[in-house]
Each structure stands twice: as C-alpha cells, then as structure tokens.
Amino acid sequence: MKKNSARLFVIAAPSGAGKTTLVKALVERNPELRFSVSYTTRKRRETEVDGRDYLFVNEVEFLRLQDQGELLESAVVFDNRYATSRSQVERMLAEGHHVILEIDWQGARQVRESMPECISIFILPPSRAELERRLRGRRTDSDEVIARRLRDALGDMSHWDEFDYTIINDDLNTAIAQLEAILAGDNAANRNSNPGLRSRVADIVC
C-alpha cells in the first residue's frame, strides 16, 4: 500500500450493535489494516488483555495524557473515560497503513474536527428488539445496567446521520463485506445519502 493512500476510518455504534466483533473480524481478514487501541479508565474484564483490547490507565494517568495533548479524542461513556492516542494514529498513517478507530459518536465528532479527511462509519443493530437481546446475551450486567445501556444506546443511534456511511449489522459476513467495500472506496449502497438505506434506518431508530 502506498503511503499517500493511507486513510483513517472511524467506526462508531451503540452498545450491543456488534461493533467490536465486526472490527476484530475485519482486522483479522485484512492484516494490512491497523487497529488503534484506545485508552480507558474502565476496569479490565477477565477476557481482556491490556495493550490488545484497551490501554488500561487510571484517572490520574488519563488526565496527564490529556494535558500533554496525546489524546486525539476523548469521551465519558458509562462513567468511564475513553480516548484515542494521537501519536499512535499518526505513526501508523505515516507508515502507510489504513487505520481503524473503534470509538463512540462523541469521539467520532472530535476526530472529524481534528482530521476532517477521515471516513466515518456508523453500525446499527437490525432492530431495537435485537439490540436488547444482544445486551442481555452478554450475561455480564445486571438488569439495571442493561436498562441503562439500552436507554443510552437508543440515544446514540440518533446520531447516525452525522456519519458518511451506515451499516446495519444483521448478518456478520455481509456487514464485514460492506466494511471492506467502504475501505476499498466502492460502497455507494451504504452511503448515508442513499434513500433506500435512509428508509431502512428510519424503521430502526424512529
């Protein structure tokens, strides 16, 4: 890949839409891609590895990084802080790699302001009922937490039209193929300007 072809792709979604699964599969199928590992103050889950899933830091360290200008974007989600490493992204782009950011809509808005040339993609579940089923299927949260996540997810979904593309994650392989087409610059069907897509999205978010 030529260095001047490297692009930054920003992928956001409500909790439960399958964003993490999609991004991991995309990177596994396309080893030339680079995934930006986010900072977080959230407690590490048993299945997570520091440096692979997130860069786990405490509140003091997070604020120090913020003061030093190291954070390309940052957001508070479910009372925890998340952020993208500016130096990490700039280094991978300079090396000629497409870079994938997996962040929330707040962070995506900040990245678009700092790097307006980025390509932004929003992932939606196929329905609200399926979103709730996925959240409950994790079996890691209480009913109270699930209710909050569902409420916040519905609010997040209202920001889909701020993005360049939207993918409805109904079938994993189809969604991955659509992501790959966007990376290749050949996916008009998932552009937010597509009337057919807008009609499908309206059935989900309204």
C-alpha atoms as a PDB file:
ATOM      1  CA  MET A   1       0.000   0.000   0.000  1.00  0.00           C
ATOM      2  CA  LYS A   2       1.370   3.396  -0.961  1.00  0.00           C
ATOM      3  CA  LYS A   3       1.910   5.732   1.949  1.00  0.00           C
ATOM      4  CA  ASN A   4      -0.158   8.517   0.425  1.00  0.00           C
ATOM      5  CA  SER A   5      -3.171   6.162   0.173  1.00  0.00           C
ATOM      6  CA  ALA A   6      -3.434   5.632   3.935  1.00  0.00           C
ATOM      7  CA  ARG A   7      -6.795   6.679   5.381  1.00  0.00           C
ATOM      8  CA  LEU A   8      -8.304   6.937   8.829  1.00  0.00           C
ATOM      9  CA  PHE A   9     -11.615   5.073   9.242  1.00  0.00           C
ATOM     10  CA  VAL A  10     -13.729   5.934  12.279  1.00  0.00           C
ATOM     11  CA  ILE A  11     -16.275   3.289  13.314  1.00  0.00           C
ATOM     12  CA  ALA A  12     -18.914   4.012  15.956  1.00  0.00           C
ATOM     13  CA  ALA A  13     -22.033   2.253  17.201  1.00  0.00           C
ATOM     14  CA  PRO A  14     -24.397   1.971  20.138  1.00  0.00           C
ATOM     15  CA  SER A  15     -23.572  -0.651  22.747  1.00  0.00           C
ATOM     16  CA  GLY A  16     -24.825  -4.036  21.531  1.00  0.00           C
ATOM     17  CA  ALA A  17     -24.642  -3.328  17.795  1.00  0.00           C
ATOM     18  CA  GLY A  18     -21.699  -5.705  17.339  1.00  0.00           C
ATOM     19  CA  LYS A  19     -19.052  -3.100  16.567  1.00  0.00           C
ATOM     20  CA  THR A  20     -16.203  -4.837  18.401  1.00  0.00           C
ATOM     21  CA  THR A  21     -16.904  -8.208  16.773  1.00  0.00           C
ATOM     22  CA  LEU A  22     -17.031  -6.589  13.343  1.00  0.00           C
ATOM     23  CA  VAL A  23     -13.798  -4.658  13.778  1.00  0.00           C
ATOM     24  CA  LYS A  24     -11.890  -7.679  15.086  1.00  0.00           C
ATOM     25  CA  ALA A  25     -13.068  -9.799  12.156  1.00  0.00           C
ATOM     26  CA  LEU A  26     -12.208  -7.018   9.703  1.00  0.00           C
ATOM     27  CA  VAL A  27      -8.652  -6.690  11.012  1.00  0.00           C
ATOM     28  CA  GLU A  28      -8.166 -10.478  11.056  1.00  0.00           C
ATOM     29  CA  ARG A  29      -9.242 -10.729   7.404  1.00  0.00           C
ATOM     30  CA  ASN A  30      -7.170  -7.705   6.371  1.00  0.00           C
ATOM     31  CA  PRO A  31      -3.801  -7.899   8.184  1.00  0.00           C
ATOM     32  CA  GLU A  32      -2.531  -4.782   6.416  1.00  0.00           C
ATOM     33  CA  LEU A  33      -5.001  -2.733   8.473  1.00  0.00           C
ATOM     34  CA  ARG A  34      -4.001  -1.233  11.791  1.00  0.00           C
ATOM     35  CA  PHE A  35      -6.340  -1.034  14.774  1.00  0.00           C
ATOM     36  CA  SER A  36      -5.893   1.869  17.148  1.00  0.00           C
ATOM     37  CA  VAL A  37      -6.055   0.592  20.723  1.00  0.00           C
ATOM     38  CA  SER A  38      -7.939   3.067  22.918  1.00  0.00           C
ATOM     39  CA  TYR A  39      -7.091   4.283  26.387  1.00  0.00           C
ATOM     40  CA  THR A  40      -9.723   3.637  29.047  1.00  0.00           C
ATOM     41  CA  THR A  41     -10.160   4.050  32.781  1.00  0.00           C
ATOM     42  CA  ARG A  42     -12.699   1.209  32.795  1.00  0.00           C
ATOM     43  CA  LYS A  43     -11.910  -1.869  34.846  1.00  0.00           C
ATOM     44  CA  ARG A  44     -10.450  -4.675  32.723  1.00  0.00           C
ATOM     45  CA  ARG A  45     -12.768  -7.637  32.091  1.00  0.00           C
ATOM     46  CA  GLU A  46     -11.464 -11.172  32.565  1.00  0.00           C
ATOM     47  CA  THR A  47     -11.283 -11.850  28.829  1.00  0.00           C
ATOM     48  CA  GLU A  48      -9.464  -8.601  28.002  1.00  0.00           C
ATOM     49  CA  VAL A  49      -5.725  -8.099  27.568  1.00  0.00           C
ATOM     50  CA  ASP A  50      -4.007  -4.799  28.303  1.00  0.00           C
ATOM     51  CA  GLY A  51      -2.480  -3.418  25.112  1.00  0.00           C
ATOM     52  CA  ARG A  52      -4.616  -5.611  22.861  1.00  0.00           C
ATOM     53  CA  ASP A  53      -8.207  -4.710  23.748  1.00  0.00           C
ATOM     54  CA  TYR A  54      -7.521  -1.408  25.526  1.00  0.00           C
ATOM     55  CA  LEU A  55      -4.720   0.535  27.129  1.00  0.00           C
ATOM     56  CA  PHE A  56      -5.936   0.452  30.733  1.00  0.00           C
ATOM     57  CA  VAL A  57      -4.931   3.518  32.761  1.00  0.00           C
ATOM     58  CA  ASN A  58      -6.122   5.142  35.962  1.00  0.00           C
ATOM     59  CA  GLU A  59      -7.791   8.542  36.198  1.00  0.00           C
ATOM     60  CA  VAL A  60      -4.570  10.383  37.054  1.00  0.00           C
ATOM     61  CA  GLU A  61      -2.661   8.922  34.102  1.00  0.00           C
ATOM     62  CA  PHE A  62      -5.559   9.647  31.746  1.00  0.00           C
ATOM     63  CA  LEU A  63      -5.651  13.308  32.742  1.00  0.00           C
ATOM     64  CA  ARG A  64      -1.872  13.551  32.376  1.00  0.00           C
ATOM     65  CA  LEU A  65      -2.084  12.235  28.807  1.00  0.00           C
ATOM     66  CA  GLN A  66      -4.872  14.696  28.092  1.00  0.00           C
ATOM     67  CA  ASP A  67      -2.839  17.635  29.414  1.00  0.00           C
ATOM     68  CA  GLN A  68       0.120  16.600  27.220  1.00  0.00           C
ATOM     69  CA  GLY A  69      -2.016  16.691  24.053  1.00  0.00           C
ATOM     70  CA  GLU A  70      -1.643  12.953  23.489  1.00  0.00           C
ATOM     71  CA  LEU A  71      -5.396  12.353  23.073  1.00  0.00           C
ATOM     72  CA  LEU A  72      -6.887  12.731  19.597  1.00  0.00           C
ATOM     73  CA  GLU A  73     -10.344  12.460  21.126  1.00  0.00           C
ATOM     74  CA  SER A  74     -11.843  11.553  24.469  1.00  0.00           C
ATOM     75  CA  ALA A  75     -15.261  10.800  25.883  1.00  0.00           C
ATOM     76  CA  VAL A  76     -17.010   9.662  29.035  1.00  0.00           C
ATOM     77  CA  VAL A  77     -19.153   6.558  28.485  1.00  0.00           C
ATOM     78  CA  PHE A  78     -20.990   4.824  31.356  1.00  0.00           C
ATOM     79  CA  ASP A  79     -18.924   6.846  33.854  1.00  0.00           C
ATOM     80  CA  ASN A  80     -15.606   5.697  32.356  1.00  0.00           C
ATOM     81  CA  ARG A  81     -13.150   7.662  30.239  1.00  0.00           C
ATOM     82  CA  TYR A  82     -12.069   6.552  26.761  1.00  0.00           C
ATOM     83  CA  ALA A  83      -9.602   8.152  24.355  1.00  0.00           C
ATOM     84  CA  THR A  84      -7.545   7.638  21.198  1.00  0.00           C
ATOM     85  CA  SER A  85      -3.769   8.003  21.135  1.00  0.00           C
ATOM     86  CA  ARG A  86      -2.858  10.769  18.686  1.00  0.00           C
ATOM     87  CA  SER A  87       0.762   9.601  18.328  1.00  0.00           C
ATOM     88  CA  GLN A  88      -0.304   6.013  17.660  1.00  0.00           C
ATOM     89  CA  VAL A  89      -2.670   7.027  14.853  1.00  0.00           C
ATOM     90  CA  GLU A  90      -0.224   9.452  13.241  1.00  0.00           C
ATOM     91  CA  ARG A  91       2.577   6.871  13.314  1.00  0.00           C
ATOM     92  CA  MET A  92       0.502   4.139  11.639  1.00  0.00           C
ATOM     93  CA  LEU A  93      -0.769   6.508   8.949  1.00  0.00           C
ATOM     94  CA  ALA A  94       2.790   7.712   8.283  1.00  0.00           C
ATOM     95  CA  GLU A  95       3.805   4.075   7.808  1.00  0.00           C
ATOM     96  CA  GLY A  96       1.226   3.800   5.016  1.00  0.00           C
ATOM     97  CA  HIS A  97      -1.443   1.760   6.789  1.00  0.00           C
ATOM     98  CA  HIS A  98      -5.193   2.289   6.834  1.00  0.00           C
ATOM     99  CA  VAL A  99      -6.128   2.862  10.484  1.00  0.00           C
ATOM    100  CA  ILE A 100      -9.363   1.789  12.179  1.00  0.00           C
ATOM    101  CA  LEU A 101     -10.717   3.683  15.187  1.00  0.00           C
ATOM    102  CA  GLU A 102     -13.434   1.985  17.237  1.00  0.00           C
ATOM    103  CA  ILE A 103     -14.981   4.772  19.294  1.00  0.00           C
ATOM    104  CA  ASP A 104     -18.337   6.306  20.219  1.00  0.00           C
ATOM    105  CA  TRP A 105     -20.193   9.072  18.370  1.00  0.00           C
ATOM    106  CA  GLN A 106     -18.836  11.769  20.698  1.00  0.00           C
ATOM    107  CA  GLY A 107     -15.262  10.783  19.924  1.00  0.00           C
ATOM    108  CA  ALA A 108     -16.042  10.460  16.234  1.00  0.00           C
ATOM    109  CA  ARG A 109     -17.271  14.056  16.192  1.00  0.00           C
ATOM    110  CA  GLN A 110     -13.988  15.237  17.729  1.00  0.00           C
ATOM    111  CA  VAL A 111     -11.898  13.236  15.242  1.00  0.00           C
ATOM    112  CA  ARG A 112     -13.829  14.720  12.316  1.00  0.00           C
ATOM    113  CA  GLU A 113     -12.998  18.175  13.637  1.00  0.00           C
ATOM    114  CA  SER A 114      -9.287  17.361  14.006  1.00  0.00           C
ATOM    115  CA  MET A 115      -8.970  15.202  10.877  1.00  0.00           C
ATOM    116  CA  PRO A 116     -11.851  16.065   8.511  1.00  0.00           C
ATOM    117  CA  GLU A 117     -10.409  13.808   5.817  1.00  0.00           C
ATOM    118  CA  CYS A 118     -11.333  10.718   7.855  1.00  0.00           C
ATOM    119  CA  ILE A 119     -14.073   8.318   6.716  1.00  0.00           C
ATOM    120  CA  SER A 120     -16.771   7.773   9.351  1.00  0.00           C
ATOM    121  CA  ILE A 121     -18.974   4.678   9.615  1.00  0.00           C
ATOM    122  CA  PHE A 122     -21.893   4.005  11.974  1.00  0.00           C
ATOM    123  CA  ILE A 123     -23.025   0.475  12.874  1.00  0.00           C
ATOM    124  CA  LEU A 124     -26.676  -0.189  13.715  1.00  0.00           C
ATOM    125  CA  PRO A 125     -28.453  -3.313  15.007  1.00  0.00           C
ATOM    126  CA  PRO A 126     -31.229  -4.657  12.736  1.00  0.00           C
ATOM    127  CA  SER A 127     -33.896  -3.727  15.299  1.00  0.00           C
ATOM    128  CA  ARG A 128     -34.404  -2.459  18.835  1.00  0.00           C
ATOM    129  CA  ALA A 129     -35.576  -5.920  19.920  1.00  0.00           C
ATOM    130  CA  GLU A 130     -32.362  -7.492  18.623  1.00  0.00           C
ATOM    131  CA  LEU A 131     -30.316  -4.811  20.358  1.00  0.00           C
ATOM    132  CA  GLU A 132     -31.888  -5.703  23.708  1.00  0.00           C
ATOM    133  CA  ARG A 133     -31.402  -9.432  23.047  1.00  0.00           C
ATOM    134  CA  ARG A 134     -27.689  -8.897  22.392  1.00  0.00           C
ATOM    135  CA  LEU A 135     -27.234  -6.794  25.514  1.00  0.00           C
ATOM    136  CA  ARG A 136     -28.919  -9.427  27.666  1.00  0.00           C
ATOM    137  CA  GLY A 137     -27.000 -12.210  25.930  1.00  0.00           C
ATOM    138  CA  ARG A 138     -23.696 -10.932  27.301  1.00  0.00           C
ATOM    139  CA  ARG A 139     -24.721 -12.125  30.789  1.00  0.00           C
ATOM    140  CA  THR A 140     -22.245  -9.697  32.357  1.00  0.00           C
ATOM    141  CA  ASP A 141     -24.570  -6.918  33.519  1.00  0.00           C
ATOM    142  CA  SER A 142     -27.468  -6.562  35.945  1.00  0.00           C
ATOM    143  CA  ASP A 143     -30.971  -5.713  34.730  1.00  0.00           C
ATOM    144  CA  GLU A 144     -30.434  -2.148  35.931  1.00  0.00           C
ATOM    145  CA  VAL A 145     -27.225  -1.782  33.912  1.00  0.00           C
ATOM    146  CA  ILE A 146     -28.841  -3.357  30.855  1.00  0.00           C
ATOM    147  CA  ALA A 147     -31.749  -0.919  31.079  1.00  0.00           C
ATOM    148  CA  ARG A 148     -29.309   1.988  31.227  1.00  0.00           C
ATOM    149  CA  ARG A 149     -27.251   0.645  28.333  1.00  0.00           C
ATOM    150  CA  LEU A 150     -30.378   0.194  26.238  1.00  0.00           C
ATOM    151  CA  ARG A 151     -31.580   3.717  27.015  1.00  0.00           C
ATOM    152  CA  ASP A 152     -28.183   5.205  26.174  1.00  0.00           C
ATOM    153  CA  ALA A 153     -27.897   3.066  23.033  1.00  0.00           C
ATOM    154  CA  LEU A 154     -31.174   4.429  21.702  1.00  0.00           C
ATOM    155  CA  GLY A 155     -29.845   7.943  22.254  1.00  0.00           C
ATOM    156  CA  ASP A 156     -26.592   7.076  20.482  1.00  0.00           C
ATOM    157  CA  MET A 157     -28.496   5.760  17.470  1.00  0.00           C
ATOM    158  CA  SER A 158     -29.971   9.201  16.837  1.00  0.00           C
ATOM    159  CA  HIS A 159     -26.512  10.402  15.718  1.00  0.00           C
ATOM    160  CA  TRP A 160     -26.185   8.000  12.766  1.00  0.00           C
ATOM    161  CA  ASP A 161     -26.723  10.766  10.200  1.00  0.00           C
ATOM    162  CA  GLU A 162     -23.546  12.574  11.296  1.00  0.00           C
ATOM    163  CA  PHE A 163     -21.527   9.810   9.611  1.00  0.00           C
ATOM    164  CA  ASP A 164     -20.539   9.146   5.996  1.00  0.00           C
ATOM    165  CA  TYR A 165     -21.769   5.541   5.949  1.00  0.00           C
ATOM    166  CA  THR A 166     -24.141   3.325   7.926  1.00  0.00           C
ATOM    167  CA  ILE A 167     -24.072  -0.468   8.127  1.00  0.00           C
ATOM    168  CA  ILE A 168     -26.989  -2.466   9.562  1.00  0.00           C
ATOM    169  CA  ASN A 169     -25.363  -5.419  11.302  1.00  0.00           C
ATOM    170  CA  ASP A 170     -27.914  -8.161  10.674  1.00  0.00           C
ATOM    171  CA  ASP A 171     -25.511 -10.756   9.230  1.00  0.00           C
ATOM    172  CA  LEU A 172     -21.843 -10.727  10.274  1.00  0.00           C
ATOM    173  CA  ASN A 173     -20.342 -11.772   6.943  1.00  0.00           C
ATOM    174  CA  THR A 174     -22.479  -9.308   4.996  1.00  0.00           C
ATOM    175  CA  ALA A 175     -21.542  -6.492   7.348  1.00  0.00           C
ATOM    176  CA  ILE A 176     -17.830  -7.327   7.042  1.00  0.00           C
ATOM    177  CA  ALA A 177     -18.102  -7.358   3.247  1.00  0.00           C
ATOM    178  CA  GLN A 178     -19.777  -3.939   3.354  1.00  0.00           C
ATOM    179  CA  LEU A 179     -16.999  -2.596   5.564  1.00  0.00           C
ATOM    180  CA  GLU A 180     -14.366  -3.958   3.188  1.00  0.00           C
ATOM    181  CA  ALA A 181     -16.138  -2.279   0.267  1.00  0.00           C
ATOM    182  CA  ILE A 182     -16.059   1.044   2.120  1.00  0.00           C
ATOM    183  CA  LEU A 183     -12.325   0.648   2.751  1.00  0.00           C
ATOM    184  CA  ALA A 184     -11.891  -0.008  -0.965  1.00  0.00           C
ATOM    185  CA  GLY A 185     -13.881   3.136  -1.821  1.00  0.00           C
ATOM    186  CA  ASP A 186     -16.613   1.164  -3.573  1.00  0.00           C
ATOM    187  CA  ASN A 187     -19.798   1.115  -1.491  1.00  0.00           C
ATOM    188  CA  ALA A 188     -22.427   3.624  -2.562  1.00  0.00           C
ATOM    189  CA  ALA A 189     -25.211   1.434  -1.120  1.00  0.00           C
ATOM    190  CA  ASN A 190     -24.160   2.191   2.450  1.00  0.00           C
ATOM    191  CA  ARG A 191     -23.664   5.927   1.990  1.00  0.00           C
ATOM    192  CA  ASN A 192     -25.984   7.905   4.229  1.00  0.00           C
ATOM    193  CA  SER A 193     -27.179   9.810   1.172  1.00  0.00           C
ATOM    194  CA  ASN A 194     -28.737   6.602  -0.241  1.00  0.00           C
ATOM    195  CA  PRO A 195     -32.566   6.939   0.016  1.00  0.00           C
ATOM    196  CA  GLY A 196     -33.039   3.177   0.363  1.00  0.00           C
ATOM    197  CA  LEU A 197     -30.635   2.999   3.284  1.00  0.00           C
ATOM    198  CA  ARG A 198     -32.223   6.012   4.952  1.00  0.00           C
ATOM    199  CA  SER A 199     -35.614   4.319   4.774  1.00  0.00           C
ATOM    200  CA  ARG A 200     -34.273   1.157   6.443  1.00  0.00           C
ATOM    201  CA  VAL A 201     -32.548   3.169   9.157  1.00  0.00           C
ATOM    202  CA  ALA A 202     -35.709   5.150   9.862  1.00  0.00           C
ATOM    203  CA  ASP A 203     -37.527   1.898  10.705  1.00  0.00           C
ATOM    204  CA  ILE A 204     -34.863   1.130  13.327  1.00  0.00           C
ATOM    205  CA  VAL A 205     -34.164   4.461  15.001  1.00  0.00           C
ATOM    206  CA  CYS A 206     -37.615   6.083  14.910  1.00  0.00           C
END
